[in-house]
PDB file of N, CA and C in Angstrom:
ATOM      1  N   MET A   1     109.113 107.560  86.571  1.00  0.00           N
ATOM      2  CA  MET A   1     107.478 108.352  86.617  1.00  0.00           C
ATOM      3  C   MET A   1     107.371 107.953  88.020  1.00  0.00           C
ATOM      4  N   ILE A   2     106.717 109.541  88.469  1.00  0.00           N
ATOM      5  CA  ILE A   2     106.209 109.538  89.630  1.00  0.00           C
ATOM      6  C   ILE A   2     104.518 109.542  89.700  1.00  0.00           C
ATOM      7  N   THR A   3     104.378 108.782  90.628  1.00  0.00           N
ATOM      8  CA  THR A   3     102.720 108.630  90.721  1.00  0.00           C
ATOM      9  C   THR A   3     102.462 108.876  91.957  1.00  0.00           C
ATOM     10  N   SER A   4     101.308 109.759  92.259  1.00  0.00           N
ATOM     11  CA  SER A   4     100.855 110.097  93.356  1.00  0.00           C
ATOM     12  C   SER A   4      99.786 108.996  93.793  1.00  0.00           C
ATOM     13  N   ILE A   5      99.742 108.847  95.346  1.00  0.00           N
ATOM     14  CA  ILE A   5      98.516 108.385  95.860  1.00  0.00           C
ATOM     15  C   ILE A   5      97.578 109.193  96.787  1.00  0.00           C
ATOM     16  N   LYS A   6      96.318 109.392  96.302  1.00  0.00           N
ATOM     17  CA  LYS A   6      95.722 110.531  97.081  1.00  0.00           C
ATOM     18  C   LYS A   6      94.800 109.697  97.891  1.00  0.00           C
ATOM     19  N   LEU A   7      94.889 110.121  99.192  1.00  0.00           N
ATOM     20  CA  LEU A   7      93.982 109.531 100.353  1.00  0.00           C
ATOM     21  C   LEU A   7      92.960 110.316 101.205  1.00  0.00           C
ATOM     22  N   SER A   8      91.880 110.077 101.014  1.00  0.00           N
ATOM     23  CA  SER A   8      91.210 110.755 101.799  1.00  0.00           C
ATOM     24  C   SER A   8      91.093 110.803 103.255  1.00  0.00           C
ATOM     25  N   PRO A   9      91.031 111.532 104.068  1.00  0.00           N
ATOM     26  CA  PRO A   9      90.938 111.245 105.532  1.00  0.00           C
ATOM     27  C   PRO A   9      90.284 110.376 106.194  1.00  0.00           C
ATOM     28  N   GLU A  10      89.172 110.095 105.497  1.00  0.00           N
ATOM     29  CA  GLU A  10      88.546 108.916 105.896  1.00  0.00           C
ATOM     30  C   GLU A  10      89.311 107.620 105.472  1.00  0.00           C
ATOM     31  N   LYS A  11      90.191 107.581 104.538  1.00  0.00           N
ATOM     32  CA  LYS A  11      90.890 106.348 104.260  1.00  0.00           C
ATOM     33  C   LYS A  11      92.212 106.154 105.438  1.00  0.00           C
ATOM     34  N   ILE A  12      92.717 107.503 105.658  1.00  0.00           N
ATOM     35  CA  ILE A  12      93.740 107.574 106.373  1.00  0.00           C
ATOM     36  C   ILE A  12      93.177 107.168 107.732  1.00  0.00           C
ATOM     37  N   LYS A  13      92.265 107.275 108.180  1.00  0.00           N
ATOM     38  CA  LYS A  13      91.881 107.137 109.476  1.00  0.00           C
ATOM     39  C   LYS A  13      91.487 105.521 109.515  1.00  0.00           C
ATOM     40  N   GLU A  14      90.996 105.196 108.682  1.00  0.00           N
ATOM     41  CA  GLU A  14      90.762 103.302 108.459  1.00  0.00           C
ATOM     42  C   GLU A  14      92.051 103.080 108.331  1.00  0.00           C
ATOM     43  N   ILE A  15      93.086 103.358 107.933  1.00  0.00           N
ATOM     44  CA  ILE A  15      94.266 102.507 107.903  1.00  0.00           C
ATOM     45  C   ILE A  15      94.961 102.699 109.043  1.00  0.00           C
ATOM     46  N   LYS A  16      94.892 103.813 110.063  1.00  0.00           N
ATOM     47  CA  LYS A  16      95.459 104.242 111.090  1.00  0.00           C
ATOM     48  C   LYS A  16      94.755 102.995 112.270  1.00  0.00           C
ATOM     49  N   ASN A  17      93.424 103.044 111.991  1.00  0.00           N
ATOM     50  CA  ASN A  17      92.485 102.135 113.059  1.00  0.00           C
ATOM     51  C   ASN A  17      92.407 100.574 112.548  1.00  0.00           C
ATOM     52  N   PHE A  18      93.291 100.140 111.664  1.00  0.00           N
ATOM     53  CA  PHE A  18      93.472  98.688 111.072  1.00  0.00           C
ATOM     54  C   PHE A  18      94.294  98.055 112.296  1.00  0.00           C
ATOM     55  N   PRO A  19      93.509  97.179 112.728  1.00  0.00           N
ATOM     56  CA  PRO A  19      94.209  96.528 113.891  1.00  0.00           C
ATOM     57  C   PRO A  19      95.755  95.574 113.360  1.00  0.00           C
ATOM     58  N   VAL A  20      96.652  95.585 113.847  1.00  0.00           N
ATOM     59  CA  VAL A  20      97.808  95.004 113.805  1.00  0.00           C
ATOM     60  C   VAL A  20      97.869  93.623 114.695  1.00  0.00           C
ATOM     61  N   VAL A  21      98.385  92.358 113.875  1.00  0.00           N
ATOM     62  CA  VAL A  21      97.920  91.244 114.453  1.00  0.00           C
ATOM     63  C   VAL A  21      99.479  90.552 114.233  1.00  0.00           C
ATOM     64  N   TYR A  22     100.033  90.194 115.667  1.00  0.00           N
ATOM     65  CA  TYR A  22     101.395  89.748 115.669  1.00  0.00           C
ATOM     66  C   TYR A  22     101.119  88.256 115.884  1.00  0.00           C
ATOM     67  N   SER A  23     102.065  87.546 115.358  1.00  0.00           N
ATOM     68  CA  SER A  23     102.223  86.257 115.397  1.00  0.00           C
ATOM     69  C   SER A  23     103.563  85.449 115.665  1.00  0.00           C
ATOM     70  N   ARG A  24     103.673  84.497 115.313  1.00  0.00           N
ATOM     71  CA  ARG A  24     105.068  83.855 115.801  1.00  0.00           C
ATOM     72  C   ARG A  24     105.863  83.842 114.267  1.00  0.00           C
ATOM     73  N   ASP A  25     105.060  83.812 113.143  1.00  0.00           N
ATOM     74  CA  ASP A  25     105.709  84.073 111.961  1.00  0.00           C
ATOM     75  C   ASP A  25     105.975  85.851 111.662  1.00  0.00           C
ATOM     76  N   ALA A  26     105.011  86.616 112.543  1.00  0.00           N
ATOM     77  CA  ALA A  26     105.347  87.945 112.344  1.00  0.00           C
ATOM     78  C   ALA A  26     105.360  88.736 113.714  1.00  0.00           C
ATOM     79  N   PRO A  27     106.450  88.487 114.451  1.00  0.00           N
ATOM     80  CA  PRO A  27     106.207  89.004 115.979  1.00  0.00           C
ATOM     81  C   PRO A  27     106.502  90.468 115.856  1.00  0.00           C
ATOM     82  N   LYS A  28     106.156  91.148 117.025  1.00  0.00           N
ATOM     83  CA  LYS A  28     106.655  92.550 117.311  1.00  0.00           C
ATOM     84  C   LYS A  28     108.125  93.072 117.573  1.00  0.00           C
ATOM     85  N   LEU A  29     108.530  93.614 116.548  1.00  0.00           N
ATOM     86  CA  LEU A  29     109.731  93.917 116.888  1.00  0.00           C
ATOM     87  C   LEU A  29     110.259  94.839 117.881  1.00  0.00           C
ATOM     88  N   THR A  30     111.571  94.854 118.386  1.00  0.00           N
ATOM     89  CA  THR A  30     111.531  96.066 119.497  1.00  0.00           C
ATOM     90  C   THR A  30     112.295  96.745 118.831  1.00  0.00           C
ATOM     91  N   SER A  31     112.399  98.064 119.408  1.00  0.00           N
ATOM     92  CA  SER A  31     113.190  99.456 118.622  1.00  0.00           C
ATOM     93  C   SER A  31     114.541  99.211 118.185  1.00  0.00           C
ATOM     94  N   SER A  32     115.445  98.370 118.970  1.00  0.00           N
ATOM     95  CA  SER A  32     116.767  97.933 118.452  1.00  0.00           C
ATOM     96  C   SER A  32     116.896  96.849 117.596  1.00  0.00           C
ATOM     97  N   GLN A  33     116.046  95.990 117.438  1.00  0.00           N
ATOM     98  CA  GLN A  33     115.667  95.575 116.158  1.00  0.00           C
ATOM     99  C   GLN A  33     115.586  96.295 114.869  1.00  0.00           C
ATOM    100  N   ILE A  34     114.601  97.137 114.971  1.00  0.00           N
ATOM    101  CA  ILE A  34     114.085  97.948 113.991  1.00  0.00           C
ATOM    102  C   ILE A  34     115.709  98.891 113.492  1.00  0.00           C
ATOM    103  N   ALA A  35     116.016  99.277 114.293  1.00  0.00           N
ATOM    104  CA  ALA A  35     117.206 100.326 114.122  1.00  0.00           C
ATOM    105  C   ALA A  35     118.347  99.384 113.509  1.00  0.00           C
ATOM    106  N   GLY A  36     118.552  98.234 113.653  1.00  0.00           N
ATOM    107  CA  GLY A  36     119.287  97.158 113.109  1.00  0.00           C
ATOM    108  C   GLY A  36     119.427  96.778 111.704  1.00  0.00           C
ATOM    109  N   MET A  37     117.657  96.937 111.441  1.00  0.00           N
ATOM    110  CA  MET A  37     117.586  96.507 109.711  1.00  0.00           C
ATOM    111  C   MET A  37     118.172  97.121 108.905  1.00  0.00           C
ATOM    112  N   LYS A  38     118.572  96.614 107.680  1.00  0.00           N
ATOM    113  CA  LYS A  38     118.954  97.037 106.428  1.00  0.00           C
ATOM    114  C   LYS A  38     118.501  96.350 105.295  1.00  0.00           C
ATOM    115  N   PRO A  39     118.529  97.359 104.265  1.00  0.00           N
ATOM    116  CA  PRO A  39     117.741  96.329 103.156  1.00  0.00           C
ATOM    117  C   PRO A  39     118.553  95.559 102.641  1.00  0.00           C
ATOM    118  N   ALA A  40     118.187  94.813 101.689  1.00  0.00           N
ATOM    119  CA  ALA A  40     118.711  93.354 101.083  1.00  0.00           C
ATOM    120  C   ALA A  40     119.749  94.066 100.179  1.00  0.00           C
ATOM    121  N   HIS A  41     119.496  95.031  99.583  1.00  0.00           N
ATOM    122  CA  HIS A  41     120.353  95.666  98.365  1.00  0.00           C
ATOM    123  C   HIS A  41     120.669  96.871  98.906  1.00  0.00           C
ATOM    124  N   GLN A  42     122.173  97.112  99.429  1.00  0.00           N
ATOM    125  CA  GLN A  42     122.668  98.293 100.102  1.00  0.00           C
ATOM    126  C   GLN A  42     122.283  99.746  99.241  1.00  0.00           C
ATOM    127  N   LYS A  43     122.227  99.382  97.679  1.00  0.00           N
ATOM    128  CA  LYS A  43     122.065 100.549  96.583  1.00  0.00           C
ATOM    129  C   LYS A  43     120.649 101.368  97.009  1.00  0.00           C
ATOM    130  N   TYR A  44     119.987 100.443  97.612  1.00  0.00           N
ATOM    131  CA  TYR A  44     118.393 101.468  97.635  1.00  0.00           C
ATOM    132  C   TYR A  44     118.435 101.761  99.224  1.00  0.00           C
ATOM    133  N   TRP A  45     119.562 101.484 100.136  1.00  0.00           N
ATOM    134  CA  TRP A  45     119.547 102.488 101.322  1.00  0.00           C
ATOM    135  C   TRP A  45     119.299 103.584 101.714  1.00  0.00           C
ATOM    136  N   LYS A  46     119.820 104.594 100.880  1.00  0.00           N
ATOM    137  CA  LYS A  46     119.535 105.810 100.741  1.00  0.00           C
ATOM    138  C   LYS A  46     119.235 106.398  99.529  1.00  0.00           C
ATOM    139  N   ILE A  47     117.956 106.808  99.261  1.00  0.00           N
ATOM    140  CA  ILE A  47     117.504 107.495  97.982  1.00  0.00           C
ATOM    141  C   ILE A  47     117.473 109.001  98.140  1.00  0.00           C
ATOM    142  N   GLU A  48     117.834 109.526  97.176  1.00  0.00           N
ATOM    143  CA  GLU A  48     117.927 111.037  97.319  1.00  0.00           C
ATOM    144  C   GLU A  48     116.758 111.816  95.976  1.00  0.00           C
ATOM    145  N   ALA A  49     116.107 112.652  96.706  1.00  0.00           N
ATOM    146  CA  ALA A  49     115.254 113.315  95.402  1.00  0.00           C
ATOM    147  C   ALA A  49     116.198 113.837  94.405  1.00  0.00           C
ATOM    148  N   VAL A  50     115.530 113.697  93.354  1.00  0.00           N
ATOM    149  CA  VAL A  50     116.452 114.637  92.155  1.00  0.00           C
ATOM    150  C   VAL A  50     116.094 115.564  92.039  1.00  0.00           C
ATOM    151  N   LYS A  51     117.285 116.498  92.097  1.00  0.00           N
ATOM    152  CA  LYS A  51     116.890 118.214  92.309  1.00  0.00           C
ATOM    153  C   LYS A  51     117.215 118.726  90.811  1.00  0.00           C
ATOM    154  N   ILE A  52     116.295 119.652  90.455  1.00  0.00           N
ATOM    155  CA  ILE A  52     116.333 120.506  89.305  1.00  0.00           C
ATOM    156  C   ILE A  52     116.578 122.025  89.377  1.00  0.00           C
ATOM    157  N   PRO A  53     117.769 122.255  88.526  1.00  0.00           N
ATOM    158  CA  PRO A  53     117.964 123.833  88.713  1.00  0.00           C
ATOM    159  C   PRO A  53     116.640 124.571  88.290  1.00  0.00           C
ATOM    160  N   LEU A  54     116.227 125.823  88.678  1.00  0.00           N
ATOM    161  CA  LEU A  54     114.953 126.175  88.745  1.00  0.00           C
ATOM    162  C   LEU A  54     115.319 127.962  88.823  1.00  0.00           C
ATOM    163  N   SER A  55     114.619 128.544  87.825  1.00  0.00           N
ATOM    164  CA  SER A  55     114.732 129.990  88.173  1.00  0.00           C
ATOM    165  C   SER A  55     113.103 130.435  88.391  1.00  0.00           C
ATOM    166  N   ILE A  56     112.899 131.129  89.459  1.00  0.00           N
ATOM    167  CA  ILE A  56     111.800 131.537  89.842  1.00  0.00           C
ATOM    168  C   ILE A  56     111.513 132.866  90.724  1.00  0.00           C
ATOM    169  N   LYS A  57     110.442 133.593  89.858  1.00  0.00           N
ATOM    170  CA  LYS A  57     110.567 134.415  90.834  1.00  0.00           C
ATOM    171  C   LYS A  57     109.367 134.895  91.965  1.00  0.00           C
ATOM    172  N   ILE A  58     109.613 135.129  93.150  1.00  0.00           N
ATOM    173  CA  ILE A  58     108.899 135.255  94.371  1.00  0.00           C
ATOM    174  C   ILE A  58     109.089 136.345  94.939  1.00  0.00           C
ATOM    175  N   ASP A  59     108.124 136.937  95.785  1.00  0.00           N
ATOM    176  CA  ASP A  59     108.196 138.095  96.369  1.00  0.00           C
ATOM    177  C   ASP A  59     109.325 138.645  97.147  1.00  0.00           C
ATOM    178  N   ALA A  60     109.738 139.592  97.258  1.00  0.00           N
ATOM    179  CA  ALA A  60     110.887 139.792  97.826  1.00  0.00           C
ATOM    180  C   ALA A  60     110.961 139.797  99.362  1.00  0.00           C
ATOM    181  N   ASP A  61     109.860 139.770  99.697  1.00  0.00           N
ATOM    182  CA  ASP A  61     109.548 139.966 101.317  1.00  0.00           C
ATOM    183  C   ASP A  61     109.409 138.364 101.693  1.00  0.00           C
ATOM    184  N   VAL A  62     109.205 137.562 101.153  1.00  0.00           N
ATOM    185  CA  VAL A  62     109.058 136.065 101.453  1.00  0.00           C
ATOM    186  C   VAL A  62     110.473 135.283 100.697  1.00  0.00           C
ATOM    187  N   LEU A  63     111.138 135.747 100.040  1.00  0.00           N
ATOM    188  CA  LEU A  63     112.676 135.391  99.973  1.00  0.00           C
ATOM    189  C   LEU A  63     113.246 135.875 101.232  1.00  0.00           C
ATOM    190  N   ALA A  64     113.248 137.477 101.648  1.00  0.00           N
ATOM    191  CA  ALA A  64     113.917 137.712 102.651  1.00  0.00           C
ATOM    192  C   ALA A  64     113.898 136.886 104.138  1.00  0.00           C
ATOM    193  N   TRP A  65     112.595 136.856 104.063  1.00  0.00           N
ATOM    194  CA  TRP A  65     112.105 136.010 105.436  1.00  0.00           C
ATOM    195  C   TRP A  65     112.852 134.879 105.523  1.00  0.00           C
ATOM    196  N   PHE A  66     112.661 133.732 104.471  1.00  0.00           N
ATOM    197  CA  PHE A  66     113.483 132.406 104.293  1.00  0.00           C
ATOM    198  C   PHE A  66     114.862 132.886 104.464  1.00  0.00           C
ATOM    199  N   LYS A  67     115.666 133.640 103.912  1.00  0.00           N
ATOM    200  CA  LYS A  67     116.979 134.038 104.250  1.00  0.00           C
ATOM    201  C   LYS A  67     117.338 134.475 105.476  1.00  0.00           C
ATOM    202  N   SER A  68     116.070 135.233 106.032  1.00  0.00           N
ATOM    203  CA  SER A  68     116.423 135.537 107.720  1.00  0.00           C
ATOM    204  C   SER A  68     116.495 134.440 108.586  1.00  0.00           C
ATOM    205  N   THR A  69     116.122 133.212 108.162  1.00  0.00           N
ATOM    206  CA  THR A  69     116.338 131.930 109.111  1.00  0.00           C
ATOM    207  C   THR A  69     117.650 131.513 108.811  1.00  0.00           C
ATOM    208  N   GLY A  70     118.358 131.932 108.094  1.00  0.00           N
ATOM    209  CA  GLY A  70     119.645 131.530 107.877  1.00  0.00           C
ATOM    210  C   GLY A  70     120.210 130.481 106.951  1.00  0.00           C
ATOM    211  N   ARG A  71     121.247 129.659 107.055  1.00  0.00           N
ATOM    212  CA  ARG A  71     121.634 128.991 106.116  1.00  0.00           C
ATOM    213  C   ARG A  71     120.303 127.670 105.602  1.00  0.00           C
ATOM    214  N   GLY A  72     120.222 127.363 104.492  1.00  0.00           N
ATOM    215  CA  GLY A  72     119.758 126.422 104.265  1.00  0.00           C
ATOM    216  C   GLY A  72     118.004 126.623 103.631  1.00  0.00           C
ATOM    217  N   TYR A  73     117.936 128.065 103.534  1.00  0.00           N
ATOM    218  CA  TYR A  73     116.596 128.629 103.391  1.00  0.00           C
ATOM    219  C   TYR A  73     116.079 127.868 101.978  1.00  0.00           C
ATOM    220  N   GLN A  74     116.845 127.551 100.979  1.00  0.00           N
ATOM    221  CA  GLN A  74     116.346 126.952  99.662  1.00  0.00           C
ATOM    222  C   GLN A  74     115.679 125.742  99.869  1.00  0.00           C
ATOM    223  N   THR A  75     116.254 124.944 101.007  1.00  0.00           N
ATOM    224  CA  THR A  75     115.829 123.705 101.367  1.00  0.00           C
ATOM    225  C   THR A  75     114.549 123.868 102.296  1.00  0.00           C
ATOM    226  N   ARG A  76     114.347 124.879 102.973  1.00  0.00           N
ATOM    227  CA  ARG A  76     112.843 125.245 103.748  1.00  0.00           C
ATOM    228  C   ARG A  76     112.191 125.500 102.718  1.00  0.00           C
ATOM    229  N   ILE A  77     112.603 126.334 101.721  1.00  0.00           N
ATOM    230  CA  ILE A  77     111.486 126.914 100.644  1.00  0.00           C
ATOM    231  C   ILE A  77     110.870 125.309  99.981  1.00  0.00           C
ATOM    232  N   ASN A  78     111.602 124.533  99.996  1.00  0.00           N
ATOM    233  CA  ASN A  78     111.466 123.243  99.178  1.00  0.00           C
ATOM    234  C   ASN A  78     110.365 122.498 100.126  1.00  0.00           C
ATOM    235  N   LYS A  79     111.007 122.258 101.275  1.00  0.00           N
ATOM    236  CA  LYS A  79     110.023 121.710 102.294  1.00  0.00           C
ATOM    237  C   LYS A  79     108.712 122.315 102.569  1.00  0.00           C
ATOM    238  N   ALA A  80     108.569 123.904 102.412  1.00  0.00           N
ATOM    239  CA  ALA A  80     107.175 124.389 102.718  1.00  0.00           C
ATOM    240  C   ALA A  80     106.485 123.962 101.270  1.00  0.00           C
ATOM    241  N   LEU A  81     107.080 124.186  99.940  1.00  0.00           N
ATOM    242  CA  LEU A  81     106.020 123.835  98.913  1.00  0.00           C
ATOM    243  C   LEU A  81     106.046 122.408  98.999  1.00  0.00           C
ATOM    244  N   ARG A  82     106.936 121.266  99.360  1.00  0.00           N
ATOM    245  CA  ARG A  82     106.154 119.959  99.475  1.00  0.00           C
ATOM    246  C   ARG A  82     104.968 119.838 100.307  1.00  0.00           C
ATOM    247  N   ASP A  83     105.048 120.613 101.668  1.00  0.00           N
ATOM    248  CA  ASP A  83     104.099 120.253 102.552  1.00  0.00           C
ATOM    249  C   ASP A  83     102.565 120.733 101.751  1.00  0.00           C
ATOM    250  N   VAL A  84     102.527 121.949 101.193  1.00  0.00           N
ATOM    251  CA  VAL A  84     101.479 122.571 100.157  1.00  0.00           C
ATOM    252  C   VAL A  84     101.235 121.327  99.523  1.00  0.00           C
ATOM    253  N   MET A  85     102.053 120.551  98.562  1.00  0.00           N
ATOM    254  CA  MET A  85     101.517 119.645  97.714  1.00  0.00           C
ATOM    255  C   MET A  85     100.870 118.557  98.539  1.00  0.00           C
ATOM    256  N   ILE A  86     101.625 117.962  99.315  1.00  0.00           N
ATOM    257  CA  ILE A  86     101.162 116.698 100.162  1.00  0.00           C
ATOM    258  C   ILE A  86      99.667 117.200 100.838  1.00  0.00           C
ATOM    259  N   GLN A  87      99.609 118.333 101.297  1.00  0.00           N
ATOM    260  CA  GLN A  87      98.294 118.976 102.011  1.00  0.00           C
ATOM    261  C   GLN A  87      96.931 118.784 100.668  1.00  0.00           C
ATOM    262  N   ALA A  88      97.491 119.349  99.804  1.00  0.00           N
ATOM    263  CA  ALA A  88      96.439 119.520  98.749  1.00  0.00           C
ATOM    264  C   ALA A  88      95.977 117.988  98.046  1.00  0.00           C
ATOM    265  N   GLN A  89      96.948 117.154  98.332  1.00  0.00           N
ATOM    266  CA  GLN A  89      96.505 115.834  97.697  1.00  0.00           C
ATOM    267  C   GLN A  89      95.319 115.258  98.951  1.00  0.00           C
ATOM    268  N   TYR A  90      95.554 115.629  99.918  1.00  0.00           N
ATOM    269  CA  TYR A  90      94.422 114.949 100.862  1.00  0.00           C
ATOM    270  C   TYR A  90      93.156 116.000 100.958  1.00  0.00           C
ATOM    271  N   VAL A  91      93.422 117.286 100.364  1.00  0.00           N
ATOM    272  CA  VAL A  91      91.919 117.947 100.546  1.00  0.00           C
ATOM    273  C   VAL A  91      91.157 117.612  99.193  1.00  0.00           C
ATOM    274  N   LYS A  92      91.868 117.189  98.294  1.00  0.00           N
ATOM    275  CA  LYS A  92      90.746 116.655  96.947  1.00  0.00           C
ATOM    276  C   LYS A  92      89.876 115.905  97.367  1.00  0.00           C
TER     277      LYS A  92
END
């Protein structure tokens, strides 16, 4: 089950402005320490989205433009749709 979290622009600003407090128990990590981190369970290290085959009709010029940008046009179409989806969550 996929749940979505809708955050208002005000809530996003509040989260970004929330002060981070470092201590001996929770020190600030260096970039190399963060890069060396791995999950406790390796099976959760790489999670891939479930892909569903779909037949869809889109305008020929839109498809032609995506195809003209080279290999991976389906991935770029998916990213464009995801960007619209994410943006719509913040607008509501």
